[in-house]
Amino acid sequence: MILSFTDLHLGLKDNSKLEDNGLYTSEVEGYKSLDYIFNFCNNPENNVELIIFKGDWFHHTTPASIHYTKTINFFTRINNLNIPFYLIPGNHESTIFSNCLSMIHELKLSNIHLYDSLESINHVVYKDYNIYFVPYVYSESMKDRDVNVEQSFVDVINNIETDNNIIVSHIQEISAKIGAESLMIAKGVELIDVENISSKVKLILLGHMHKQQMYTKKNIPVVYAGSTYYQNKSDVNQEKGFITVDDNLNVTLHSIPTLRRYHKVIVNQETQNNIENILYSRKFKQYDVVYFDVVDLSKDLVLEETIRKACSSRNIIIGDLVYIKSNEVELNYSLGIIEEETPYETFKKWVDNATTEEHEASFITEVITSGNNYLDLFYKVN
């Protein structure tokens, strides 16, 4: 069985407190997910025979030394399980010159393999399947920095001559739902439409999109394991973890139960005086993150202080507290993204709302301008 995970983003500090061990809460969550994955692989009953990581191990191209140290320790531990482990870099750890996972080559661990070049075909055989790895590698032009991985993805698939193939990459297929990645648009990669690719592919395993999802294009299952832990508001009510693939290419999505979760609380005229009761009844756990949407109420410092005290007494972290109107178009992408919509569908809804309701011209212009910039980053709209 294959175990695959992606988008750790070690070093992310959002929605966190500095803990006694010197790490922020979200950094601890990343290592909790690694511990869970290690224990899952170490359990013979799970029959894990191959491990694949699909990019964005680190959140920054220059990780802090503590993350390098903990990463090396993890690789050393999992190497001792004698399970082949294949990794590719994602856009978050790559630069024009190299990537911050390149140190793996120097570790010389027999079971840990990093594919970080597009100059040759990255290919391994697993049972009856050929697995092709397409790492994220920047082009020399920052203007078209994604063109290398896009073209390599297409070339690898179109030039396959064997049967029973699995493709692994860090890229957005055009039908993928955005999820938490909506806050990382500035580092977005190019989109691929599987419908336009001829292939003998049986399965596509992708990283980059943080929403755990699986759908079929051209009779090919496209699978995103999603980020391993919760990272922003779009992760509310999502599951986080990894996937497994059996010998018949049946995919199972796994959640990691040890993680803190993200929640949303609506505060309005009816609930504003019951914050304590709401937090108590929802039974939030320590370090859970709660986002408060204050709907149809004016800014109220007394209310805000009540919310902060209630959260502090339970060691709950406030993700954010925003004032919104129930009929207002959301320009904040982390709030306005609809999980089951593509970027184009979301933008169209914004524009339709702005132009049919009675809004000032400046507001309509802002919606259309922001929306076009948003789409341009995903679809390269001219």
Protein backbone atom coordinates (compact mmCIF):
# COMPACT_ATOMS: atom_id res chain seq x y z
CA MET A 1 0.00 0.00 0.00
CA ILE A 2 1.12 3.57 -0.78
CA LEU A 3 0.84 6.34 1.80
CA SER A 4 0.88 9.87 0.39
CA PHE A 5 0.82 13.27 2.12
CA THR A 6 1.63 16.84 1.21
CA ASP A 7 1.75 20.54 2.13
CA LEU A 8 3.24 20.41 5.61
CA HIS A 9 4.34 24.06 5.47
CA LEU A 10 6.64 23.64 8.48
CA GLY A 11 7.41 27.09 9.87
CA LEU A 12 3.91 28.48 9.44
CA LYS A 13 3.09 30.56 12.53
CA ASP A 14 -0.49 31.65 11.82
CA ASN A 15 -3.17 31.31 14.50
CA SER A 16 -0.63 30.39 17.16
CA LYS A 17 0.83 31.03 20.57
CA LEU A 18 4.51 30.69 21.37
CA GLU A 19 4.76 27.51 23.40
CA ASP A 20 7.28 26.49 26.07
CA ASN A 21 9.30 24.41 23.60
CA GLY A 22 10.09 27.51 21.50
CA LEU A 23 7.71 26.57 18.68
CA TYR A 24 4.45 28.21 17.72
CA THR A 25 1.26 26.18 17.99
CA SER A 26 0.87 25.72 14.23
CA GLU A 27 4.48 24.50 14.01
CA VAL A 28 3.73 21.95 16.72
CA GLU A 29 0.69 20.82 14.72
CA GLY A 30 2.94 20.09 11.75
CA TYR A 31 5.15 17.83 13.85
CA LYS A 32 2.13 16.17 15.46
CA SER A 33 0.96 15.20 11.98
CA LEU A 34 4.41 13.80 11.17
CA ASP A 35 4.39 11.75 14.37
CA TYR A 36 0.99 10.33 13.50
CA ILE A 37 2.12 9.44 9.97
CA PHE A 38 5.29 7.82 11.31
CA ASN A 39 3.31 5.68 13.76
CA PHE A 40 0.86 4.72 11.03
CA CYS A 41 3.72 3.60 8.79
CA ASN A 42 5.38 1.78 11.68
CA ASN A 43 2.28 -0.32 12.33
CA PRO A 44 2.64 -3.60 10.35
CA GLU A 45 -1.13 -3.96 10.19
CA ASN A 46 -1.30 -0.92 7.89
CA ASN A 47 1.04 -2.57 5.37
CA VAL A 48 2.64 0.68 4.14
CA GLU A 49 5.17 -0.27 1.44
CA LEU A 50 5.85 3.11 -0.19
CA ILE A 51 5.63 6.73 1.00
CA ILE A 52 5.19 9.75 -1.28
CA PHE A 53 5.39 13.42 -0.33
CA LYS A 54 4.07 15.89 -2.93
CA GLY A 55 5.67 19.23 -2.07
CA ASP A 56 5.75 22.19 0.34
CA TRP A 57 7.52 20.53 3.25
CA PHE A 58 8.60 23.97 4.45
CA HIS A 59 6.59 27.18 4.40
CA HIS A 60 9.58 29.39 3.57
CA THR A 61 12.60 29.01 1.32
CA THR A 62 14.87 29.74 4.30
CA PRO A 63 13.57 27.55 7.15
CA ALA A 64 14.74 28.14 10.71
CA SER A 65 17.46 25.77 11.90
CA ILE A 66 15.08 24.05 14.32
CA HIS A 67 12.93 22.92 11.38
CA TYR A 68 15.97 21.55 9.55
CA THR A 69 17.01 19.69 12.70
CA LYS A 70 13.57 18.20 13.33
CA THR A 71 13.20 17.31 9.63
CA ILE A 72 16.53 15.46 9.60
CA ASN A 73 15.52 13.61 12.76
CA PHE A 74 12.23 12.59 11.15
CA PHE A 75 13.90 11.38 7.96
CA THR A 76 16.40 9.38 10.00
CA ARG A 77 13.63 7.72 12.01
CA ILE A 78 11.47 6.88 9.02
CA ASN A 79 14.48 5.70 7.02
CA ASN A 80 14.95 3.01 9.67
CA LEU A 81 11.51 1.58 8.80
CA ASN A 82 13.01 0.39 5.50
CA ILE A 83 10.09 1.81 3.52
CA PRO A 84 11.04 3.69 0.32
CA PHE A 85 10.14 7.37 0.73
CA TYR A 86 9.99 9.64 -2.35
CA LEU A 87 9.71 13.44 -2.13
CA ILE A 88 9.37 16.34 -4.54
CA PRO A 89 9.69 20.06 -3.72
CA GLY A 90 6.73 22.41 -4.04
CA ASN A 91 6.54 26.10 -4.88
CA HIS A 92 6.99 27.22 -1.25
CA GLU A 93 10.47 25.74 -0.86
CA SER A 94 11.75 26.45 -4.37
CA THR A 95 13.73 29.33 -5.83
CA ILE A 96 15.21 29.96 -9.27
CA PHE A 97 18.51 28.51 -8.04
CA SER A 98 17.55 25.53 -5.89
CA ASN A 99 15.18 24.38 -3.15
CA CYS A 100 15.52 24.03 0.61
CA LEU A 101 14.93 20.26 0.46
CA SER A 102 18.16 19.75 -1.47
CA MET A 103 19.97 18.92 1.79
CA ILE A 104 18.27 15.49 1.59
CA HIS A 105 20.84 14.49 -1.03
CA GLU A 106 23.62 15.06 1.51
CA LEU A 107 21.98 12.91 4.17
CA LYS A 108 22.59 9.79 2.06
CA LEU A 109 19.75 7.89 3.71
CA SER A 110 19.15 4.71 1.74
CA ASN A 111 15.35 4.87 1.75
CA ILE A 112 14.85 8.63 1.34
CA HIS A 113 14.80 9.86 -2.27
CA LEU A 114 14.36 13.46 -3.45
CA TYR A 115 13.40 14.19 -7.05
CA ASP A 116 14.09 17.88 -7.61
CA SER A 117 15.15 18.07 -11.25
CA LEU A 118 13.24 18.16 -14.53
CA GLU A 119 16.29 17.37 -16.64
CA SER A 120 15.55 13.66 -16.64
CA ILE A 121 12.50 11.45 -16.17
CA ASN A 122 11.90 10.70 -12.50
CA HIS A 123 10.49 7.20 -12.55
CA VAL A 124 10.16 4.27 -10.15
CA VAL A 125 8.41 0.92 -10.44
CA TYR A 126 6.04 -0.14 -7.69
CA LYS A 127 4.51 -3.59 -8.17
CA ASP A 128 2.49 -3.40 -11.41
CA TYR A 129 2.69 0.37 -11.65
CA ASN A 130 5.08 2.96 -13.05
CA ILE A 131 5.22 6.11 -10.92
CA TYR A 132 6.41 9.35 -12.54
CA PHE A 133 7.39 12.33 -10.39
CA VAL A 134 7.17 15.91 -11.71
CA PRO A 135 8.74 18.23 -9.09
CA TYR A 136 8.08 21.94 -8.88
CA VAL A 137 11.08 23.70 -10.44
CA TYR A 138 11.09 27.42 -11.23
CA SER A 139 11.89 28.63 -14.72
CA GLU A 140 14.60 31.25 -15.13
CA SER A 141 11.94 33.90 -15.71
CA MET A 142 9.94 35.04 -12.69
CA LYS A 143 7.27 36.28 -15.10
CA ASP A 144 6.55 32.71 -16.21
CA ARG A 145 8.03 30.91 -13.26
CA ASP A 146 5.59 27.98 -13.50
CA VAL A 147 6.11 27.17 -17.16
CA ASN A 148 8.70 24.44 -16.47
CA VAL A 149 6.53 22.30 -14.23
CA GLU A 150 3.49 22.85 -16.44
CA GLN A 151 5.27 21.75 -19.61
CA SER A 152 7.05 18.87 -17.90
CA PHE A 153 3.75 17.57 -16.51
CA VAL A 154 2.24 17.54 -20.00
CA ASP A 155 5.36 16.07 -21.62
CA VAL A 156 5.69 13.24 -19.12
CA ILE A 157 2.08 12.18 -19.58
CA ASN A 158 2.04 12.51 -23.37
CA ASN A 159 5.29 10.57 -23.80
CA ILE A 160 4.40 7.62 -21.60
CA GLU A 161 4.64 4.34 -23.51
CA THR A 162 3.92 1.94 -20.66
CA ASP A 163 0.61 0.98 -19.09
CA ASN A 164 -0.54 1.32 -15.47
CA ASN A 165 0.97 4.72 -14.67
CA ILE A 166 0.70 7.02 -11.64
CA ILE A 167 1.67 10.70 -11.93
CA VAL A 168 2.85 12.66 -8.87
CA SER A 169 3.26 16.44 -8.95
CA HIS A 170 2.70 19.75 -7.16
CA ILE A 171 0.30 21.63 -9.39
CA GLN A 172 -3.32 22.73 -9.62
CA GLU A 173 -5.63 20.84 -11.93
CA ILE A 174 -8.27 23.20 -13.23
CA SER A 175 -11.23 21.50 -11.51
CA ALA A 176 -9.66 21.49 -8.02
CA LYS A 177 -11.45 23.32 -5.22
CA ILE A 178 -9.31 25.99 -3.62
CA GLY A 179 -9.79 25.57 0.14
CA ALA A 180 -7.08 27.04 2.36
CA GLU A 181 -4.82 27.82 -0.58
CA SER A 182 -6.95 30.90 -1.22
CA LEU A 183 -4.64 32.81 1.13
CA MET A 184 -1.54 31.74 -0.78
CA ILE A 185 -2.60 32.84 -4.25
CA ALA A 186 0.51 34.97 -4.71
CA LYS A 187 2.55 31.77 -4.75
CA GLY A 188 0.08 29.95 -7.03
CA VAL A 189 1.26 27.51 -9.65
CA GLU A 190 -0.02 27.01 -13.19
CA LEU A 191 -3.19 25.08 -13.87
CA ILE A 192 -3.48 21.90 -15.91
CA ASP A 193 -6.62 20.55 -17.54
CA VAL A 194 -6.47 16.76 -17.60
CA GLU A 195 -9.19 16.74 -20.27
CA ASN A 196 -6.65 18.12 -22.75
CA ILE A 197 -3.98 15.50 -22.08
CA SER A 198 -3.78 12.15 -23.83
CA SER A 199 -2.41 9.50 -21.55
CA LYS A 200 -2.29 5.99 -20.20
CA VAL A 201 -2.55 7.27 -16.66
CA LYS A 202 -4.48 5.36 -13.99
CA LEU A 203 -4.09 7.84 -11.12
CA ILE A 204 -2.87 11.43 -10.54
CA LEU A 205 -1.63 12.36 -7.05
CA LEU A 206 -1.18 16.10 -6.54
CA GLY A 207 -0.04 18.59 -3.94
CA HIS A 208 -0.55 22.38 -3.62
CA MET A 209 -4.32 22.54 -3.00
CA HIS A 210 -4.98 22.26 0.75
CA LYS A 211 -8.53 20.95 0.53
CA GLN A 212 -8.62 17.14 0.73
CA GLN A 213 -10.48 16.04 -2.39
CA MET A 214 -10.83 13.42 -5.09
CA TYR A 215 -12.60 13.65 -8.46
CA THR A 216 -12.41 12.04 -11.91
CA LYS A 217 -11.40 13.71 -15.17
CA LYS A 218 -11.22 11.74 -18.40
CA ASN A 219 -11.77 8.57 -16.33
CA ILE A 220 -8.61 9.39 -14.35
CA PRO A 221 -8.91 9.87 -10.58
CA VAL A 222 -7.28 13.15 -9.51
CA VAL A 223 -6.46 13.12 -5.79
CA TYR A 224 -5.32 15.85 -3.42
CA ALA A 225 -4.36 14.59 0.03
CA GLY A 226 -4.72 18.18 1.27
CA SER A 227 -2.59 19.85 3.93
CA THR A 228 -1.81 17.61 6.88
CA TYR A 229 -3.11 20.08 9.49
CA TYR A 230 -5.36 23.15 9.75
CA GLN A 231 -3.89 26.43 8.50
CA ASN A 232 -6.54 29.13 7.93
CA LYS A 233 -10.23 30.00 7.96
CA SER A 234 -11.02 28.01 4.83
CA ASP A 235 -10.10 24.86 6.79
CA VAL A 236 -13.18 25.21 9.00
CA ASN A 237 -15.19 21.96 8.84
CA GLN A 238 -12.53 20.28 6.67
CA GLU A 239 -10.67 17.04 7.37
CA LYS A 240 -6.88 17.02 7.48
CA GLY A 241 -4.46 14.14 7.13
CA PHE A 242 -3.16 11.89 4.34
CA ILE A 243 -4.25 9.27 1.83
CA THR A 244 -3.50 5.61 1.19
CA VAL A 245 -3.67 3.79 -2.14
CA ASP A 246 -4.12 0.03 -2.26
CA ASP A 247 -2.92 -2.39 -4.95
CA ASN A 248 -6.09 -1.83 -6.97
CA LEU A 249 -5.59 1.96 -6.81
CA ASN A 250 -8.49 2.43 -4.42
CA VAL A 251 -7.86 5.66 -2.52
CA THR A 252 -8.75 6.18 1.14
CA LEU A 253 -8.72 9.63 2.76
CA HIS A 254 -7.45 9.55 6.35
CA SER A 255 -7.96 12.20 9.04
CA ILE A 256 -5.51 12.81 11.87
CA PRO A 257 -7.57 12.84 15.10
CA THR A 258 -4.85 14.33 17.32
CA LEU A 259 -4.92 17.76 15.66
CA ARG A 260 -6.60 20.90 16.98
CA ARG A 261 -9.53 21.96 14.82
CA TYR A 262 -10.75 25.22 13.31
CA HIS A 263 -14.27 26.51 13.96
CA LYS A 264 -16.50 29.44 13.06
CA VAL A 265 -18.94 31.22 15.37
CA ILE A 266 -21.58 33.64 14.08
CA VAL A 267 -22.24 36.53 16.46
CA ASN A 268 -25.39 38.53 15.79
CA GLN A 269 -28.09 40.43 17.67
CA GLU A 270 -29.49 37.24 19.16
CA THR A 271 -26.20 35.65 20.25
CA GLN A 272 -24.03 38.61 21.27
CA ASN A 273 -24.86 38.22 24.98
CA ASN A 274 -24.28 34.48 25.06
CA ILE A 275 -20.63 34.12 24.04
CA GLU A 276 -19.69 32.18 27.19
CA ASN A 277 -22.53 29.72 26.69
CA ILE A 278 -21.71 29.27 23.01
CA LEU A 279 -18.07 28.42 23.71
CA TYR A 280 -19.08 26.09 26.52
CA SER A 281 -21.72 24.23 24.51
CA ARG A 282 -19.42 23.75 21.49
CA LYS A 283 -16.83 22.11 23.78
CA PHE A 284 -13.80 23.55 21.99
CA LYS A 285 -10.46 22.02 22.95
CA GLN A 286 -7.31 23.82 24.09
CA TYR A 287 -5.61 25.74 21.24
CA ASP A 288 -8.55 25.19 18.88
CA VAL A 289 -8.94 28.19 16.58
CA VAL A 290 -12.26 30.02 16.42
CA TYR A 291 -13.19 32.60 13.78
CA PHE A 292 -15.86 35.08 14.80
CA ASP A 293 -18.07 36.66 12.13
CA VAL A 294 -19.96 39.55 13.72
CA VAL A 295 -22.98 39.98 11.46
CA ASP A 296 -25.09 43.14 11.16
CA LEU A 297 -23.65 44.71 14.31
CA SER A 298 -21.59 47.88 14.67
CA LYS A 299 -18.03 47.71 15.97
CA ASP A 300 -18.25 47.12 19.71
CA LEU A 301 -15.14 47.12 21.89
CA VAL A 302 -17.06 45.74 24.86
CA LEU A 303 -18.21 42.76 22.78
CA GLU A 304 -14.68 42.20 21.49
CA GLU A 305 -13.26 42.22 25.01
CA THR A 306 -15.95 39.72 26.12
CA ILE A 307 -14.96 37.40 23.27
CA ARG A 308 -11.24 37.71 24.04
CA LYS A 309 -11.73 36.99 27.74
CA ALA A 310 -13.99 34.02 27.04
CA CYS A 311 -11.43 32.54 24.62
CA SER A 312 -8.48 33.25 26.89
CA SER A 313 -10.10 31.47 29.83
CA ARG A 314 -10.38 28.31 27.73
CA ASN A 315 -7.03 28.61 25.93
CA ILE A 316 -8.86 29.09 22.64
CA ILE A 317 -7.10 31.04 19.90
CA ILE A 318 -9.04 33.70 18.00
CA GLY A 319 -8.41 33.29 14.28
CA ASP A 320 -9.96 36.65 13.55
CA LEU A 321 -12.97 38.78 14.42
CA VAL A 322 -14.60 40.54 11.48
CA TYR A 323 -17.67 42.71 11.10
CA ILE A 324 -19.73 41.87 8.04
CA LYS A 325 -23.18 42.57 6.66
CA SER A 326 -25.39 39.68 5.74
CA ASN A 327 -25.88 41.01 2.20
CA GLU A 328 -22.31 42.18 1.65
CA VAL A 329 -20.02 40.84 -1.07
CA GLU A 330 -16.88 39.45 0.55
CA LEU A 331 -13.68 40.81 -0.98
CA ASN A 332 -11.52 39.00 1.55
CA TYR A 333 -10.71 35.83 -0.36
CA SER A 334 -10.27 33.75 2.78
CA LEU A 335 -13.90 34.53 3.63
CA GLY A 336 -15.40 34.75 0.16
CA ILE A 337 -14.25 31.46 -1.33
CA ILE A 338 -17.03 28.90 -1.61
CA GLU A 339 -15.57 25.44 -1.06
CA GLU A 340 -17.55 23.73 -3.82
CA GLU A 341 -16.87 26.35 -6.49
CA THR A 342 -14.05 26.86 -8.95
CA PRO A 343 -12.31 30.29 -8.95
CA TYR A 344 -14.25 31.33 -12.06
CA GLU A 345 -17.61 30.44 -10.51
CA THR A 346 -16.74 32.40 -7.37
CA PHE A 347 -15.70 35.51 -9.31
CA LYS A 348 -18.81 35.39 -11.50
CA LYS A 349 -21.00 35.29 -8.40
CA TRP A 350 -19.18 38.32 -6.95
CA VAL A 351 -19.72 40.31 -10.14
CA ASP A 352 -23.36 39.26 -10.50
CA ASN A 353 -24.04 40.30 -6.92
CA ALA A 354 -22.23 43.63 -7.28
CA THR A 355 -23.97 44.61 -10.50
CA THR A 356 -27.51 43.52 -9.59
CA GLU A 357 -27.58 45.09 -6.12
CA GLU A 358 -27.57 48.84 -5.51
CA HIS A 359 -23.88 49.49 -5.01
CA GLU A 360 -21.84 52.58 -5.75
CA ALA A 361 -19.79 52.50 -8.95
CA SER A 362 -16.52 52.55 -6.97
CA PHE A 363 -17.54 49.38 -5.13
CA ILE A 364 -18.44 47.58 -8.38
CA THR A 365 -15.09 48.62 -9.85
CA GLU A 366 -13.29 47.25 -6.79
CA VAL A 367 -15.08 43.91 -7.10
CA ILE A 368 -14.30 43.55 -10.80
CA THR A 369 -10.69 44.70 -10.44
CA SER A 370 -10.01 42.43 -7.47
CA GLY A 371 -11.76 39.55 -9.17
CA ASN A 372 -9.79 39.93 -12.39
CA ASN A 373 -6.53 40.03 -10.47
CA TYR A 374 -7.65 36.94 -8.57
CA LEU A 375 -8.49 35.01 -11.73
CA ASP A 376 -5.31 36.18 -13.45
CA LEU A 377 -3.22 34.53 -10.76
CA PHE A 378 -4.98 31.20 -11.33
CA TYR A 379 -5.80 31.21 -15.03
CA LYS A 380 -3.34 33.75 -16.47
CA VAL A 381 -6.21 35.78 -17.90
CA ASN A 382 -4.94 38.27 -20.46
